[in-house]
PDB file of N, CA and C in Angstrom:
ATOM      1  N   MET A   1      23.750   5.724 -28.184  1.00  0.00           N
ATOM      2  CA  MET A   1      22.463   6.219 -28.595  1.00  0.00           C
ATOM      3  C   MET A   1      21.310   5.443 -27.975  1.00  0.00           C
ATOM      4  N   ALA A   2      21.516   4.155 -27.725  1.00  0.00           N
ATOM      5  CA  ALA A   2      20.438   3.358 -27.135  1.00  0.00           C
ATOM      6  C   ALA A   2      20.155   3.804 -25.703  1.00  0.00           C
ATOM      7  N   ASN A   3      21.200   4.269 -25.005  1.00  0.00           N
ATOM      8  CA  ASN A   3      21.013   4.744 -23.639  1.00  0.00           C
ATOM      9  C   ASN A   3      20.171   6.009 -23.600  1.00  0.00           C
ATOM     10  N   ASP A   4      20.304   6.855 -24.630  1.00  0.00           N
ATOM     11  CA  ASP A   4      19.511   8.078 -24.697  1.00  0.00           C
ATOM     12  C   ASP A   4      18.025   7.756 -24.759  1.00  0.00           C
ATOM     13  N   LYS A   5      17.654   6.734 -25.506  1.00  0.00           N
ATOM     14  CA  LYS A   5      16.247   6.359 -25.614  1.00  0.00           C
ATOM     15  C   LYS A   5      15.723   5.875 -24.265  1.00  0.00           C
ATOM     16  N   ASN A   6      16.541   5.146 -23.513  1.00  0.00           N
ATOM     17  CA  ASN A   6      16.124   4.680 -22.194  1.00  0.00           C
ATOM     18  C   ASN A   6      15.941   5.840 -21.224  1.00  0.00           C
ATOM     19  N   VAL A   7      16.812   6.816 -21.296  1.00  0.00           N
ATOM     20  CA  VAL A   7      16.703   7.988 -20.428  1.00  0.00           C
ATOM     21  C   VAL A   7      15.441   8.762 -20.759  1.00  0.00           C
ATOM     22  N   TYR A   8      15.171   8.966 -22.035  1.00  0.00           N
ATOM     23  CA  TYR A   8      13.962   9.691 -22.441  1.00  0.00           C
ATOM     24  C   TYR A   8      12.702   8.932 -22.031  1.00  0.00           C
ATOM     25  N   ALA A   9      12.738   7.620 -22.145  1.00  0.00           N
ATOM     26  CA  ALA A   9      11.583   6.816 -21.751  1.00  0.00           C
ATOM     27  C   ALA A   9      11.358   6.907 -20.239  1.00  0.00           C
ATOM     28  N   ALA A  10      12.431   6.886 -19.453  1.00  0.00           N
ATOM     29  CA  ALA A  10      12.306   6.987 -17.999  1.00  0.00           C
ATOM     30  C   ALA A  10      11.763   8.351 -17.586  1.00  0.00           C
ATOM     31  N   ILE A  11      12.233   9.401 -18.235  1.00  0.00           N
ATOM     32  CA  ILE A  11      11.742  10.754 -17.932  1.00  0.00           C
ATOM     33  C   ILE A  11      10.266  10.873 -18.296  1.00  0.00           C
ATOM     34  N   ALA A  12       9.879  10.348 -19.448  1.00  0.00           N
ATOM     35  CA  ALA A  12       8.485  10.411 -19.878  1.00  0.00           C
ATOM     36  C   ALA A  12       7.580   9.651 -18.908  1.00  0.00           C
ATOM     37  N   LEU A  13       8.030   8.489 -18.451  1.00  0.00           N
ATOM     38  CA  LEU A  13       7.240   7.701 -17.507  1.00  0.00           C
ATOM     39  C   LEU A  13       7.124   8.420 -16.164  1.00  0.00           C
ATOM     40  N   ALA A  14       8.192   9.035 -15.704  1.00  0.00           N
ATOM     41  CA  ALA A  14       8.163   9.772 -14.439  1.00  0.00           C
ATOM     42  C   ALA A  14       7.198  10.950 -14.518  1.00  0.00           C
ATOM     43  N   ILE A  15       7.203  11.672 -15.613  1.00  0.00           N
ATOM     44  CA  ILE A  15       6.273  12.796 -15.792  1.00  0.00           C
ATOM     45  C   ILE A  15       4.838  12.283 -15.861  1.00  0.00           C
ATOM     46  N   HIS A  16       4.639  11.183 -16.561  1.00  0.00           N
ATOM     47  CA  HIS A  16       3.310  10.590 -16.690  1.00  0.00           C
ATOM     48  C   HIS A  16       2.747  10.221 -15.314  1.00  0.00           C
ATOM     49  N   GLU A  17       3.562   9.588 -14.460  1.00  0.00           N
ATOM     50  CA  GLU A  17       3.108   9.208 -13.130  1.00  0.00           C
ATOM     51  C   GLU A  17       2.958  10.416 -12.216  1.00  0.00           C
ATOM     52  N   HIS A  18       3.818  11.414 -12.366  1.00  0.00           N
ATOM     53  CA  HIS A  18       3.744  12.617 -11.540  1.00  0.00           C
ATOM     54  C   HIS A  18       2.445  13.380 -11.794  1.00  0.00           C
ATOM     55  N   LEU A  19       1.960  13.344 -13.004  1.00  0.00           N
ATOM     56  CA  LEU A  19       0.734  14.057 -13.348  1.00  0.00           C
ATOM     57  C   LEU A  19      -0.517  13.297 -12.911  1.00  0.00           C
ATOM     58  N   GLY A  20      -0.350  12.152 -12.278  1.00  0.00           N
ATOM     59  CA  GLY A  20      -1.489  11.430 -11.735  1.00  0.00           C
ATOM     60  C   GLY A  20      -2.150  10.483 -12.709  1.00  0.00           C
ATOM     61  N   ASN A  21      -1.463  10.080 -13.722  1.00  0.00           N
ATOM     62  CA  ASN A  21      -2.047   9.202 -14.721  1.00  0.00           C
ATOM     63  C   ASN A  21      -1.866   7.726 -14.384  1.00  0.00           C
ATOM     64  N   ASN A  22      -1.502   7.417 -13.166  1.00  0.00           N
ATOM     65  CA  ASN A  22      -1.264   6.028 -12.790  1.00  0.00           C
ATOM     66  C   ASN A  22      -2.289   5.522 -11.779  1.00  0.00           C
ATOM     67  N   VAL A  23      -3.379   6.253 -11.568  1.00  0.00           N
ATOM     68  CA  VAL A  23      -4.389   5.879 -10.594  1.00  0.00           C
ATOM     69  C   VAL A  23      -5.409   4.965 -11.260  1.00  0.00           C
ATOM     70  N   HIS A  24      -5.638   3.808 -10.630  1.00  0.00           N
ATOM     71  CA  HIS A  24      -6.590   2.858 -11.197  1.00  0.00           C
ATOM     72  C   HIS A  24      -7.963   2.970 -10.543  1.00  0.00           C
ATOM     73  N   ASP A  25      -8.008   3.242  -9.248  1.00  0.00           N
ATOM     74  CA  ASP A  25      -9.265   3.298  -8.516  1.00  0.00           C
ATOM     75  C   ASP A  25      -9.385   4.633  -7.805  1.00  0.00           C
ATOM     76  N   ALA A  26     -10.620   5.099  -7.671  1.00  0.00           N
ATOM     77  CA  ALA A  26     -10.868   6.303  -6.880  1.00  0.00           C
ATOM     78  C   ALA A  26     -11.009   5.880  -5.425  1.00  0.00           C
ATOM     79  N   GLU A  27     -10.095   6.304  -4.581  1.00  0.00           N
ATOM     80  CA  GLU A  27     -10.082   5.916  -3.181  1.00  0.00           C
ATOM     81  C   GLU A  27     -10.730   7.000  -2.328  1.00  0.00           C
ATOM     82  N   SER A  28     -11.430   6.587  -1.285  1.00  0.00           N
ATOM     83  CA  SER A  28     -12.073   7.543  -0.389  1.00  0.00           C
ATOM     84  C   SER A  28     -11.140   8.008   0.719  1.00  0.00           C
ATOM     85  N   CYS A  29      -9.988   7.366   0.866  1.00  0.00           N
ATOM     86  CA  CYS A  29      -8.998   7.690   1.892  1.00  0.00           C
ATOM     87  C   CYS A  29      -9.554   7.517   3.300  1.00  0.00           C
ATOM     88  N   VAL A  30     -10.496   6.609   3.479  1.00  0.00           N
ATOM     89  CA  VAL A  30     -11.064   6.305   4.779  1.00  0.00           C
ATOM     90  C   VAL A  30     -10.691   4.861   5.120  1.00  0.00           C
ATOM     91  N   ILE A  31     -10.088   4.684   6.285  1.00  0.00           N
ATOM     92  CA  ILE A  31      -9.707   3.350   6.737  1.00  0.00           C
ATOM     93  C   ILE A  31     -10.716   2.900   7.783  1.00  0.00           C
ATOM     94  N   THR A  32     -11.332   1.764   7.550  1.00  0.00           N
ATOM     95  CA  THR A  32     -12.308   1.214   8.476  1.00  0.00           C
ATOM     96  C   THR A  32     -11.718  -0.036   9.108  1.00  0.00           C
ATOM     97  N   ILE A  33     -11.674  -0.053  10.434  1.00  0.00           N
ATOM     98  CA  ILE A  33     -11.134  -1.197  11.146  1.00  0.00           C
ATOM     99  C   ILE A  33     -12.252  -1.796  11.981  1.00  0.00           C
ATOM    100  N   ASN A  34     -12.622  -3.006  11.655  1.00  0.00           N
ATOM    101  CA  ASN A  34     -13.634  -3.729  12.417  1.00  0.00           C
ATOM    102  C   ASN A  34     -12.953  -4.834  13.202  1.00  0.00           C
ATOM    103  N   GLU A  35     -13.301  -4.937  14.493  1.00  0.00           N
ATOM    104  CA  GLU A  35     -12.699  -5.959  15.336  1.00  0.00           C
ATOM    105  C   GLU A  35     -13.339  -7.307  15.039  1.00  0.00           C
ATOM    106  N   ARG A  36     -12.500  -8.291  14.846  1.00  0.00           N
ATOM    107  CA  ARG A  36     -12.963  -9.655  14.626  1.00  0.00           C
ATOM    108  C   ARG A  36     -12.300 -10.549  15.655  1.00  0.00           C
ATOM    109  N   ASN A  37     -13.075 -11.422  16.242  1.00  0.00           N
ATOM    110  CA  ASN A  37     -12.525 -12.356  17.216  1.00  0.00           C
ATOM    111  C   ASN A  37     -11.923 -13.544  16.481  1.00  0.00           C
ATOM    112  N   THR A  38     -10.643 -13.744  16.707  1.00  0.00           N
ATOM    113  CA  THR A  38      -9.923 -14.861  16.114  1.00  0.00           C
ATOM    114  C   THR A  38      -9.107 -15.529  17.203  1.00  0.00           C
ATOM    115  N   GLN A  39      -8.380 -16.558  16.867  1.00  0.00           N
ATOM    116  CA  GLN A  39      -7.527 -17.216  17.853  1.00  0.00           C
ATOM    117  C   GLN A  39      -6.358 -16.322  18.257  1.00  0.00           C
ATOM    118  N   TRP A  40      -6.007 -15.348  17.435  1.00  0.00           N
ATOM    119  CA  TRP A  40      -4.882 -14.471  17.756  1.00  0.00           C
ATOM    120  C   TRP A  40      -5.229 -13.488  18.867  1.00  0.00           C
ATOM    121  N   ASN A  41      -6.500 -13.049  18.948  1.00  0.00           N
ATOM    122  CA  ASN A  41      -6.861 -12.086  19.982  1.00  0.00           C
ATOM    123  C   ASN A  41      -7.842 -12.674  20.999  1.00  0.00           C
ATOM    124  N   GLY A  42      -7.934 -13.998  21.084  1.00  0.00           N
ATOM    125  CA  GLY A  42      -8.839 -14.647  22.021  1.00  0.00           C
ATOM    126  C   GLY A  42      -8.374 -14.476  23.466  1.00  0.00           C
ATOM    127  N   PHE A  43      -9.330 -14.303  24.370  1.00  0.00           N
ATOM    128  CA  PHE A  43      -9.001 -14.085  25.783  1.00  0.00           C
ATOM    129  C   PHE A  43      -8.306 -15.318  26.378  1.00  0.00           C
ATOM    130  N   ALA A  44      -8.743 -16.508  26.026  1.00  0.00           N
ATOM    131  CA  ALA A  44      -8.176 -17.720  26.599  1.00  0.00           C
ATOM    132  C   ALA A  44      -6.728 -17.933  26.193  1.00  0.00           C
ATOM    133  N   LEU A  45      -6.318 -17.384  25.066  1.00  0.00           N
ATOM    134  CA  LEU A  45      -4.956 -17.570  24.586  1.00  0.00           C
ATOM    135  C   LEU A  45      -4.024 -16.420  24.953  1.00  0.00           C
ATOM    136  N   SER A  46      -4.545 -15.400  25.605  1.00  0.00           N
ATOM    137  CA  SER A  46      -3.703 -14.253  25.927  1.00  0.00           C
ATOM    138  C   SER A  46      -2.771 -14.596  27.091  1.00  0.00           C
ATOM    139  N   MET A  47      -1.625 -13.929  27.109  1.00  0.00           N
ATOM    140  CA  MET A  47      -0.637 -14.197  28.142  1.00  0.00           C
ATOM    141  C   MET A  47      -0.886 -13.283  29.337  1.00  0.00           C
ATOM    142  N   THR A  48      -0.609 -13.790  30.514  1.00  0.00           N
ATOM    143  CA  THR A  48      -0.743 -12.985  31.730  1.00  0.00           C
ATOM    144  C   THR A  48       0.654 -12.624  32.228  1.00  0.00           C
ATOM    145  N   GLU A  49       0.696 -11.652  33.159  1.00  0.00           N
ATOM    146  CA  GLU A  49       1.989 -11.228  33.693  1.00  0.00           C
ATOM    147  C   GLU A  49       2.637 -12.344  34.502  1.00  0.00           C
ATOM    148  N   ARG A  50       1.839 -12.994  35.358  1.00  0.00           N
ATOM    149  CA  ARG A  50       2.349 -14.081  36.186  1.00  0.00           C
ATOM    150  C   ARG A  50       1.346 -15.226  36.157  1.00  0.00           C
ATOM    151  N   PRO A  51       1.785 -16.408  35.824  1.00  0.00           N
ATOM    152  CA  PRO A  51       0.860 -17.548  35.754  1.00  0.00           C
ATOM    153  C   PRO A  51       0.352 -17.992  37.109  1.00  0.00           C
TER     154      PRO A  51
END
């Protein structure tokens, strides 16, 4: 009988999330990528084909 309660709880949670009740923030779905100069993309540290 205890397993039945777990199954019902899992089904209820799945329905709850499927209906969209798990969203915390309203997202604009826009990704903004700004280039920043760091040591990882610095020209002096980049590798060349032949030294």
